[in-house]
């Protein structure tokens, strides 16, 4: 286990690191220290994996979209 508080995830130690100053302010963020590109399939898999953290946001956006669409249909029906 990694005891370094500046590394967010041990499996992503080469990819993501956050550095703080002595007073607790942010001094730097290192993203993807190795400059390798990811393929479309890998990007899709990571996107789906990280969507688990945003299910509530997606649910609220979906309800909002359906509500707005229903209002538009109702207004259209009233005008015709």
Protein backbone atom coordinates (compact mmCIF):
# COMPACT_ATOMS: atom_id res chain seq x y z
CA UNK A 1 0.00 0.00 0.00
CA UNK A 2 1.20 3.48 -0.84
CA UNK A 3 1.52 5.77 2.21
CA UNK A 4 2.31 8.87 0.13
CA UNK A 5 -0.65 11.27 0.57
CA UNK A 6 0.13 13.05 -2.71
CA UNK A 7 -0.66 10.00 -4.86
CA UNK A 8 -4.38 9.50 -5.35
CA UNK A 9 -4.38 5.87 -6.42
CA UNK A 10 -1.57 3.35 -6.23
CA UNK A 11 -2.53 1.76 -9.56
CA UNK A 12 -2.40 5.18 -11.25
CA UNK A 13 0.82 6.35 -9.57
CA UNK A 14 2.45 7.12 -12.92
CA UNK A 15 -0.65 8.85 -14.27
CA UNK A 16 -2.06 11.12 -11.56
CA UNK A 17 -0.32 12.90 -8.67
CA UNK A 18 -1.27 15.97 -6.64
CA UNK A 19 1.40 18.06 -4.90
CA UNK A 20 0.67 20.35 -1.97
CA UNK A 21 2.77 23.12 -0.38
CA UNK A 22 3.60 23.16 3.34
CA UNK A 23 0.61 25.42 4.05
CA UNK A 24 -1.79 23.05 2.30
CA UNK A 25 -2.22 24.96 -0.95
CA UNK A 26 -2.07 23.17 -4.26
CA UNK A 27 1.32 23.44 -5.93
CA UNK A 28 0.88 21.15 -8.92
CA UNK A 29 -0.96 18.31 -10.62
CA UNK A 30 0.78 15.75 -12.80
CA UNK A 31 -1.46 13.90 -15.24
CA UNK A 32 -0.20 11.02 -17.33
CA UNK A 33 3.54 11.30 -16.76
CA UNK A 34 4.10 8.90 -19.62
CA UNK A 35 3.09 10.39 -22.96
CA UNK A 36 1.29 7.44 -24.46
CA UNK A 37 -2.00 7.71 -26.27
CA UNK A 38 -4.96 5.51 -25.52
CA UNK A 39 -7.06 3.84 -28.16
CA UNK A 40 -10.74 4.39 -28.74
CA UNK A 41 -11.68 1.10 -27.10
CA UNK A 42 -9.67 1.86 -23.97
CA UNK A 43 -11.14 5.37 -23.80
CA UNK A 44 -14.66 3.92 -24.12
CA UNK A 45 -14.02 1.39 -21.37
CA UNK A 46 -12.64 4.08 -19.04
CA UNK A 47 -15.61 6.35 -19.84
CA UNK A 48 -18.09 3.59 -18.93
CA UNK A 49 -16.08 2.72 -15.80
CA UNK A 50 -16.09 6.34 -14.57
CA UNK A 51 -19.80 6.84 -15.33
CA UNK A 52 -20.58 4.83 -12.19
CA UNK A 53 -19.61 7.92 -10.21
CA UNK A 54 -22.09 10.11 -12.11
CA UNK A 55 -25.28 8.04 -12.10
CA UNK A 56 -27.17 10.63 -10.05
CA UNK A 57 -26.13 13.43 -12.44
CA UNK A 58 -27.19 11.40 -15.48
CA UNK A 59 -30.50 10.50 -13.82
CA UNK A 60 -31.31 14.13 -12.99
CA UNK A 61 -30.37 15.26 -16.51
CA UNK A 62 -32.58 12.53 -18.00
CA UNK A 63 -35.59 13.51 -15.89
CA UNK A 64 -35.03 17.16 -16.82
CA UNK A 65 -34.80 16.34 -20.53
CA UNK A 66 -37.99 14.26 -20.45
CA UNK A 67 -39.79 17.03 -18.52
CA UNK A 68 -38.78 19.72 -21.00
CA UNK A 69 -39.80 17.48 -23.92
CA UNK A 70 -43.21 16.85 -22.29
CA UNK A 71 -43.72 20.61 -21.81
CA UNK A 72 -42.81 21.26 -25.45
CA UNK A 73 -45.29 18.61 -26.60
CA UNK A 74 -48.00 20.07 -24.33
CA UNK A 75 -47.41 23.61 -25.64
CA UNK A 76 -47.47 22.30 -29.21
CA UNK A 77 -50.77 20.56 -28.56
CA UNK A 78 -52.29 23.74 -27.05
CA UNK A 79 -51.22 25.85 -30.04
CA UNK A 80 -52.64 23.54 -32.71
